Every structure is written in structure tokens, then in C-alpha cells.
Amino acid sequence: LVTSRDWTSGFFPGVLWYLYEYTKKPEWKKEAEAFTALMEKEKTNGTTHDMGFKVYCSFGTGYALTKDAHYKDVIIESARTLSTRFNKTAGVLRSWDHNKQKWDFPVIIDNMMNLELLFAATRLTGDSSFYKISVSHADNTLKNHFRADYSSYHVVDYDSTQYGKINKKTTHQGYANESAWSRGQGWALYGYAMCFRETGNKAYLSHAEKVADYILNHPNMPKDLVPYWDFDAPAIPNEPRDASAAAVIASGLYELSTYSKNGAKYRKAADKMMESLSKNYRASIGEAKGFLLLHSTGSKPSNSEVDVPLSYADYYYLEALLRMKKLNEGKKLYEGLPIKK
């Protein structure tokens, strides 16, 4: 297990909550509560943009199932902490604090996922400031992170002193500055589908559809719909796959399918991804130290976590399985949304 400071620390508690949601067995709830409790100290850690990954995947997933009042308090305090990373001039939340010699105010596409925590805080408190930060970040990311073909850059470096000024657009985990890092495309798809859920803004829905179409129609997308780690990696087809990207994309597609007029297409693609992951990328029972999925890629340029199991692959795989189950049962994924402030 990683320390709570690590950006991936919230996924294992979230996996336990999803196992409880699926089985309703109290032993999974007990384990989920124990590992979620270990995350609480992160609620005041203002040095990270990954508050959503850490706190909302643990406490947020738990709160959705239990309505525990203490979990609610942790979510709200975490959102307040995350809000301190918002720069009004740039109109976005700062991602990294490291490598200040490289970037002035870096924003990574992954940060779209952390907006869900802020939207939740507005629902829980009625305080629209969290909502407004999320919308500002989503709007500026939509404007500045995407190319004409709707693929996303990984890192956009903002000028923190002048609104609308961009210093540069680069990558950190992708093959090249102008390539399409696969998991980053997944974060974009999932993030804008979620933002449409929370706001009802059709610009977000349209954008999610365009990102989904870019992914699904890419000439380098394999037939099994489990992407290579970067759509533009130079040695395709002899490049590592990224099962975590497929899991994120599939989960995002399931949500998008409930909003889009092309929903049947997106749901069919998600089903195929999940079939591929379940048949050909799943670890055998009792192997891989308890991980569910094999063949994910963390950061190929750093030669870090290449062709290995990853906790976030398992988290989004289980989330996608539960979303698929609900849709197959004719149930809604979310009730009472969007919130409009």
C-alpha cells in the first residue's frame, strides 16, 4: 500500500466500497471503513490537486452508500482545501507544485476528475463557490487543453498573472508534446461527461461526445478497444497497452451513453471494452497480489509501472462493471442531477 500522500491512495478504499456495493456483505463495509479512515488526514493537505482522487474516491464513494455524516464533513473540508489551489487570474486550479523551473502554473488534464469533489461540496452545503470554481476550470480547460481533433494535451502551463495567457503546452506521461496520451484522453472524456451531469451545460456534453469519437475512431485503437499507452506511440503494435485507460474510458462511456443521442453506440463500445478487459486482461484468482486487472501503464517515459496492475485500473473497472449492471437493470446512474447554480 502507498502512503495517504500518494495520488493513488484513495483507490483501494474505493475498491472496497464497490465490493460492498456489489455484495452487500458487511465484511467488505468493515474493511472499506478501516481503509477510508486512513485517508482523513489528507483533507487539509493543500499541497495537492489530487484531493478528488484521494478523498472523493474513498470518502465520496463511501458517503454515496452510507450517508455517514462524518464522511460528509470530510468531503466538505477537503473541497475547501482544494479550493485554495484556484487562481482567479488564470481561472483554473493548479495541478503540480513540483518542477517550478519547468512551469509557472501547470494544469494537467487529470485535474478534470477532481472537480467532482467540488460539485459534491456545493450539493452538500449549498455554497456555490465550489461549483463556480469547477465551471471556471472546466471552461478554461475546454478552451486551452484541446487540439482541433479534440485530443487533449497532458500539461498546459498558464501564466498566473495574466488571464488567458498560456506559456506552453507539453506532456509529462505521454510520448510527445503533440501526442495523445491514452489515459489523458480518458480523463477528458470522463471529466466532461461528469461535468454535464453536474451542470446540464450542453457544451460539456458535446465536448465529451467529440472526445469519445476521437478515441473510438482513432486508427491506432486496437480491435479489442484496449488502447496502447499513447495513441501515437512510435512502435505500435509493439507498445504496451494501458488497461487503466480502457477502464476509465469504459466507465465514462457508460455515463455518456445515458445523456447522448448516440448513447447506443457509446454503450456498445463500453461493453466491448469491458468484455476485452474481463476476458484477456484480468488476473487469475489468487494471483497478482489481489489486483484485478493486468497490463496497465503508469508512466512509460519514466519507465515507471509499465505493463503492471494498478489500483486505479481496478477502481474504474469495478465502477464500470457496476454502471453496466445498473444500466442492464434499467436503473439510472444518478438521481436528482444536474445542480444549477
Protein backbone atom coordinates (compact mmCIF):
# COMPACT_ATOMS: atom_id res chain seq x y z
CA LEU A 1 0.00 0.00 0.00
CA VAL A 2 1.08 3.57 -0.65
CA THR A 3 1.01 6.38 1.91
CA SER A 4 -2.04 8.63 2.07
CA ARG A 5 0.01 11.41 0.43
CA ASP A 6 0.23 9.44 -2.81
CA TRP A 7 -2.26 10.43 -5.52
CA THR A 8 -3.40 6.81 -5.83
CA SER A 9 -4.11 6.28 -2.13
CA GLY A 10 -7.90 6.66 -2.36
CA PHE A 11 -8.48 3.97 -4.95
CA PHE A 12 -8.07 0.89 -2.74
CA PRO A 13 -10.65 2.13 -0.19
CA GLY A 14 -12.89 2.89 -3.16
CA VAL A 15 -12.44 -0.64 -4.49
CA LEU A 16 -13.55 -1.98 -1.11
CA TRP A 17 -16.62 0.26 -1.17
CA TYR A 18 -17.51 -1.01 -4.65
CA LEU A 19 -17.16 -4.60 -3.45
CA TYR A 20 -19.53 -3.76 -0.60
CA GLU A 21 -21.96 -2.11 -3.01
CA TYR A 22 -21.98 -5.20 -5.20
CA THR A 23 -22.09 -7.90 -2.49
CA LYS A 24 -23.80 -6.06 0.41
CA LYS A 25 -21.56 -8.13 2.67
CA PRO A 26 -20.74 -6.38 5.98
CA GLU A 27 -17.14 -7.63 5.96
CA TRP A 28 -16.41 -5.51 2.88
CA LYS A 29 -18.01 -2.48 4.55
CA LYS A 30 -15.85 -3.01 7.64
CA GLU A 31 -12.68 -3.14 5.55
CA ALA A 32 -13.75 -0.14 3.48
CA GLU A 33 -14.38 1.90 6.63
CA ALA A 34 -10.99 0.96 8.06
CA PHE A 35 -9.01 1.90 4.96
CA THR A 36 -11.09 5.03 4.35
CA ALA A 37 -10.30 6.26 7.86
CA LEU A 38 -6.60 6.21 6.97
CA MET A 39 -7.28 8.86 4.33
CA GLU A 40 -8.81 11.51 6.60
CA LYS A 41 -5.62 13.43 7.28
CA GLU A 42 -5.48 14.33 3.60
CA LYS A 43 -8.49 16.65 3.99
CA THR A 44 -6.18 19.51 4.99
CA ASN A 45 -3.33 18.73 2.60
CA GLY A 46 -3.31 21.80 0.39
CA THR A 47 -0.17 20.79 -1.48
CA THR A 48 -2.02 18.52 -3.91
CA HIS A 49 -4.64 18.86 -6.62
CA ASP A 50 -5.43 15.15 -6.27
CA MET A 51 -7.94 15.69 -3.46
CA GLY A 52 -10.72 14.23 -5.57
CA PHE A 53 -8.80 11.07 -6.36
CA LYS A 54 -7.74 10.67 -2.75
CA VAL A 55 -10.80 11.78 -0.80
CA TYR A 56 -13.76 11.51 -3.16
CA CYS A 57 -12.87 8.01 -4.37
CA SER A 58 -12.69 6.91 -0.72
CA PHE A 59 -14.96 9.09 1.43
CA GLY A 60 -17.15 10.12 -1.50
CA THR A 61 -17.77 6.55 -2.64
CA GLY A 62 -18.45 5.58 0.96
CA TYR A 63 -20.81 8.51 1.51
CA ALA A 64 -22.87 7.57 -1.53
CA LEU A 65 -23.53 4.19 0.10
CA THR A 66 -23.82 5.13 3.78
CA LYS A 67 -24.71 8.84 4.07
CA ASP A 68 -22.34 8.91 7.03
CA ALA A 69 -22.39 12.45 8.48
CA HIS A 70 -18.68 12.40 9.27
CA TYR A 71 -17.86 11.44 5.69
CA LYS A 72 -19.89 14.44 4.59
CA ASP A 73 -17.82 16.72 6.82
CA VAL A 74 -14.57 15.30 5.42
CA ILE A 75 -15.76 15.84 1.84
CA ILE A 76 -16.64 19.47 2.56
CA GLU A 77 -13.37 20.25 4.33
CA SER A 78 -11.43 18.58 1.52
CA ALA A 79 -13.23 20.73 -1.02
CA ARG A 80 -12.35 23.86 0.93
CA THR A 81 -8.72 22.78 0.91
CA LEU A 82 -8.74 22.04 -2.82
CA SER A 83 -10.31 25.44 -3.49
CA THR A 84 -7.19 27.15 -2.14
CA ARG A 85 -5.38 25.98 -5.30
CA PHE A 86 -7.67 28.07 -7.52
CA ASN A 87 -6.11 31.08 -9.20
CA LYS A 88 -8.72 33.68 -10.13
CA THR A 89 -6.49 35.32 -12.72
CA ALA A 90 -5.78 32.10 -14.60
CA GLY A 91 -9.27 30.75 -13.87
CA VAL A 92 -8.03 27.23 -13.08
CA LEU A 93 -6.86 25.02 -10.24
CA ARG A 94 -3.12 24.49 -10.04
CA SER A 95 -2.05 20.89 -10.54
CA TRP A 96 1.57 20.34 -9.52
CA ASP A 97 3.80 22.26 -7.16
CA HIS A 98 6.95 20.41 -8.22
CA ASN A 99 9.33 21.31 -11.07
CA LYS A 100 8.74 25.04 -10.69
CA GLN A 101 11.67 25.63 -13.01
CA LYS A 102 9.62 23.97 -15.78
CA TRP A 103 6.19 25.55 -15.28
CA ASP A 104 4.63 28.69 -13.85
CA PHE A 105 1.10 27.35 -13.23
CA PRO A 106 0.72 23.81 -14.62
CA VAL A 107 -2.69 22.26 -15.19
CA ILE A 108 -2.97 18.62 -16.24
CA ILE A 109 -5.98 17.05 -17.90
CA ASP A 110 -6.22 14.63 -14.96
CA ASN A 111 -7.45 17.56 -12.87
CA MET A 112 -10.86 17.36 -14.53
CA MET A 113 -11.53 14.34 -12.34
CA ASN A 114 -11.06 16.30 -9.13
CA LEU A 115 -13.90 18.68 -9.98
CA GLU A 116 -16.40 16.04 -8.87
CA LEU A 117 -15.39 16.68 -5.26
CA LEU A 118 -16.14 20.39 -5.63
CA PHE A 119 -19.51 19.79 -7.27
CA ALA A 120 -20.37 17.44 -4.42
CA ALA A 121 -19.47 20.10 -1.86
CA THR A 122 -21.94 22.53 -3.43
CA ARG A 123 -24.67 19.90 -3.25
CA LEU A 124 -23.85 19.16 0.38
CA THR A 125 -23.56 22.78 1.58
CA GLY A 126 -25.48 24.97 -0.85
CA ASP A 127 -22.31 27.05 -1.20
CA SER A 128 -21.97 27.81 -4.91
CA SER A 129 -18.32 28.88 -4.68
CA PHE A 130 -17.17 25.28 -5.23
CA TYR A 131 -19.45 24.97 -8.25
CA LYS A 132 -18.15 28.20 -9.74
CA ILE A 133 -14.54 27.09 -9.40
CA SER A 134 -15.37 23.81 -11.13
CA VAL A 135 -17.11 25.54 -14.01
CA SER A 136 -14.29 28.03 -14.45
CA HIS A 137 -11.74 25.24 -14.51
CA ALA A 138 -13.79 23.12 -16.91
CA ASP A 139 -14.41 26.06 -19.24
CA ASN A 140 -10.76 27.10 -19.39
CA THR A 141 -9.61 23.52 -19.83
CA LEU A 142 -12.06 23.09 -22.69
CA LYS A 143 -10.70 26.22 -24.31
CA ASN A 144 -7.00 25.60 -23.79
CA HIS A 145 -6.30 21.88 -23.47
CA PHE A 146 -7.70 20.52 -26.72
CA ARG A 147 -6.49 20.38 -30.29
CA ALA A 148 -8.64 20.76 -33.39
CA ASP A 149 -9.24 16.99 -33.50
CA TYR A 150 -10.44 17.02 -29.84
CA SER A 151 -7.43 15.19 -28.50
CA SER A 152 -6.03 16.60 -25.28
CA TYR A 153 -2.66 17.87 -24.25
CA HIS A 154 -1.41 16.50 -20.95
CA VAL A 155 0.04 19.68 -19.40
CA VAL A 156 -0.92 23.29 -20.08
CA ASP A 157 1.23 25.90 -18.36
CA TYR A 158 -0.77 29.03 -17.58
CA ASP A 159 0.58 32.49 -16.86
CA SER A 160 -0.69 33.02 -13.32
CA THR A 161 -0.52 36.81 -13.64
CA GLN A 162 -2.40 37.38 -16.90
CA TYR A 163 -5.79 35.88 -17.74
CA GLY A 164 -5.88 33.88 -20.93
CA LYS A 165 -2.12 33.76 -21.46
CA ILE A 166 -0.65 30.31 -21.99
CA ASN A 167 3.09 29.76 -21.66
CA LYS A 168 3.28 26.33 -23.29
CA LYS A 169 1.53 23.01 -23.87
CA THR A 170 3.51 19.87 -23.17
CA THR A 171 3.37 16.29 -21.92
CA HIS A 172 4.78 14.54 -18.89
CA GLN A 173 3.47 10.99 -19.23
CA GLY A 174 2.74 10.86 -22.96
CA TYR A 175 5.07 10.01 -25.84
CA ALA A 176 5.47 13.60 -27.11
CA ASN A 177 4.07 17.07 -26.60
CA GLU A 178 1.75 16.67 -29.59
CA SER A 179 0.81 13.03 -29.00
CA ALA A 180 -2.39 11.73 -27.42
CA TRP A 181 -1.61 10.06 -24.10
CA SER A 182 -4.34 7.44 -23.77
CA ARG A 183 -5.28 7.78 -20.12
CA GLY A 184 -5.35 11.54 -20.54
CA GLN A 185 -7.97 11.16 -23.24
CA GLY A 186 -9.91 9.00 -20.78
CA TRP A 187 -9.72 11.66 -18.08
CA ALA A 188 -11.08 14.19 -20.57
CA LEU A 189 -14.00 12.03 -21.68
CA TYR A 190 -14.96 11.03 -18.16
CA GLY A 191 -14.47 14.55 -16.82
CA TYR A 192 -16.73 16.31 -19.30
CA ALA A 193 -19.46 13.66 -19.06
CA MET A 194 -19.37 14.21 -15.29
CA CYS A 195 -19.44 17.99 -15.71
CA PHE A 196 -22.55 17.70 -17.88
CA ARG A 197 -24.16 15.55 -15.18
CA GLU A 198 -23.45 18.22 -12.59
CA THR A 199 -24.35 21.32 -14.61
CA GLY A 200 -26.60 20.40 -17.51
CA ASN A 201 -24.34 22.51 -19.74
CA LYS A 202 -24.71 21.06 -23.24
CA ALA A 203 -21.29 22.37 -24.25
CA TYR A 204 -19.80 19.80 -21.89
CA LEU A 205 -21.94 17.03 -23.36
CA SER A 206 -20.94 17.97 -26.90
CA HIS A 207 -17.30 18.04 -25.91
CA ALA A 208 -17.47 14.64 -24.21
CA GLU A 209 -19.03 13.20 -27.38
CA LYS A 210 -16.27 14.65 -29.55
CA VAL A 211 -13.55 13.29 -27.28
CA ALA A 212 -15.27 9.89 -27.27
CA ASP A 213 -15.44 9.89 -31.06
CA TYR A 214 -11.76 10.81 -31.28
CA ILE A 215 -10.88 7.86 -29.06
CA LEU A 216 -13.15 5.29 -30.68
CA ASN A 217 -12.34 6.30 -34.27
CA HIS A 218 -8.59 6.58 -33.84
CA PRO A 219 -6.76 4.46 -36.44
CA ASN A 220 -4.40 3.17 -33.74
CA MET A 221 -7.19 1.96 -31.47
CA PRO A 222 -6.82 -1.85 -31.30
CA LYS A 223 -9.71 -4.09 -32.25
CA ASP A 224 -10.27 -5.11 -28.63
CA LEU A 225 -10.60 -1.40 -27.70
CA VAL A 226 -7.91 -1.55 -25.03
CA PRO A 227 -5.61 1.28 -26.11
CA TYR A 228 -1.88 1.44 -26.30
CA TRP A 229 -0.39 3.70 -23.63
CA ASP A 230 -0.26 6.54 -26.17
CA PHE A 231 -2.24 6.67 -29.39
CA ASP A 232 0.86 7.97 -31.16
CA ALA A 233 3.49 5.73 -29.56
CA PRO A 234 6.17 5.08 -32.21
CA ALA A 235 6.38 1.26 -32.16
CA ILE A 236 2.67 0.36 -32.35
CA PRO A 237 1.67 -2.51 -32.39
CA ASN A 238 4.73 -3.39 -30.29
CA GLU A 239 3.87 -0.98 -27.49
CA PRO A 240 2.43 -1.63 -24.01
CA ARG A 241 -1.33 -1.44 -23.60
CA ASP A 242 -2.99 0.54 -20.82
CA ALA A 243 -5.86 -1.34 -19.21
CA SER A 244 -6.36 1.57 -16.82
CA ALA A 245 -7.11 3.87 -19.76
CA ALA A 246 -9.66 1.36 -21.06
CA ALA A 247 -11.34 1.14 -17.65
CA VAL A 248 -11.60 4.93 -17.31
CA ILE A 249 -12.88 5.28 -20.88
CA ALA A 250 -15.44 2.49 -20.46
CA SER A 251 -16.81 3.98 -17.26
CA GLY A 252 -17.03 7.40 -18.89
CA LEU A 253 -18.75 5.94 -21.95
CA TYR A 254 -21.40 4.28 -19.80
CA GLU A 255 -22.27 7.62 -18.24
CA LEU A 256 -22.11 9.43 -21.57
CA SER A 257 -24.44 6.83 -23.08
CA THR A 258 -27.21 7.94 -20.73
CA TYR A 259 -27.06 11.56 -21.97
CA SER A 260 -26.15 11.35 -25.65
CA LYS A 261 -28.39 10.80 -28.66
CA ASN A 262 -25.62 8.41 -29.74
CA GLY A 263 -25.88 6.55 -26.48
CA ALA A 264 -26.33 3.12 -28.03
CA LYS A 265 -23.02 3.46 -29.85
CA TYR A 266 -21.15 4.51 -26.74
CA ARG A 267 -22.69 1.79 -24.61
CA LYS A 268 -21.81 -0.85 -27.20
CA ALA A 269 -18.19 0.34 -27.22
CA ALA A 270 -18.05 0.29 -23.42
CA ASP A 271 -19.46 -3.24 -23.39
CA LYS A 272 -16.77 -4.37 -25.82
CA MET A 273 -14.02 -2.77 -23.74
CA MET A 274 -15.30 -4.45 -20.61
CA GLU A 275 -15.57 -7.81 -22.37
CA SER A 276 -11.95 -7.48 -23.52
CA LEU A 277 -10.72 -6.47 -20.07
CA SER A 278 -12.62 -9.28 -18.39
CA LYS A 279 -11.52 -11.98 -20.83
CA ASN A 280 -7.94 -11.06 -21.62
CA TYR A 281 -6.63 -8.59 -19.04
CA ARG A 282 -8.00 -9.92 -15.77
CA ALA A 283 -5.68 -11.60 -13.29
CA SER A 284 -6.35 -15.18 -12.29
CA ILE A 285 -7.90 -15.61 -8.85
CA GLY A 286 -5.22 -15.77 -6.19
CA GLU A 287 -2.54 -14.20 -8.39
CA ALA A 288 -1.21 -10.66 -8.92
CA LYS A 289 -1.37 -9.94 -5.16
CA GLY A 290 -5.11 -9.40 -5.31
CA PHE A 291 -5.20 -6.94 -8.21
CA LEU A 292 -7.99 -7.46 -10.72
CA LEU A 293 -6.51 -6.18 -13.98
CA LEU A 294 -3.13 -6.75 -15.58
CA HIS A 295 -1.33 -4.78 -18.32
CA SER A 296 -1.67 -1.16 -17.25
CA THR A 297 0.91 1.55 -17.88
CA GLY A 298 1.62 4.25 -15.34
CA SER A 299 4.33 6.37 -16.96
CA LYS A 300 6.15 4.92 -19.95
CA PRO A 301 8.52 7.90 -20.45
CA SER A 302 9.79 7.39 -16.90
CA ASN A 303 9.79 3.61 -17.34
CA SER A 304 7.60 3.52 -14.24
CA GLU A 305 4.83 0.95 -13.75
CA VAL A 306 4.89 -0.40 -17.29
CA ASP A 307 2.73 -3.47 -18.03
CA VAL A 308 1.68 -3.93 -14.41
CA PRO A 309 -1.52 -3.99 -12.32
CA LEU A 310 -2.57 -0.58 -10.97
CA SER A 311 -5.07 0.30 -8.26
CA TYR A 312 -6.86 2.91 -10.33
CA ALA A 313 -7.37 0.43 -13.16
CA ASP A 314 -9.21 -1.81 -10.68
CA TYR A 315 -11.24 1.11 -9.28
CA TYR A 316 -12.58 2.28 -12.63
CA TYR A 317 -13.04 -1.31 -13.83
CA LEU A 318 -15.31 -2.03 -10.85
CA GLU A 319 -17.10 1.29 -11.29
CA ALA A 320 -17.70 0.45 -14.95
CA LEU A 321 -18.97 -3.02 -14.05
CA LEU A 322 -21.42 -1.52 -11.57
CA ARG A 323 -22.54 1.08 -14.10
CA MET A 324 -23.06 -1.65 -16.69
CA LYS A 325 -25.08 -3.66 -14.17
CA LYS A 326 -27.33 -0.71 -13.34
CA LEU A 327 -27.95 0.09 -16.99
CA ASN A 328 -28.71 -3.56 -17.75
CA GLU A 329 -31.25 -3.48 -14.92
CA GLY A 330 -32.86 -0.33 -16.31
CA LYS A 331 -31.69 1.84 -13.42
CA LYS A 332 -30.39 5.40 -13.51
CA LEU A 333 -26.76 6.01 -12.68
CA TYR A 334 -27.50 9.25 -10.84
CA GLU A 335 -30.63 10.76 -9.34
CA GLY A 336 -31.58 14.40 -8.84
CA LEU A 337 -28.98 15.97 -11.11
CA PRO A 338 -27.90 18.35 -12.54
CA ILE A 339 -27.46 21.07 -9.95
CA LYS A 340 -27.58 24.53 -11.47
CA LYS A 341 -26.08 27.46 -9.58
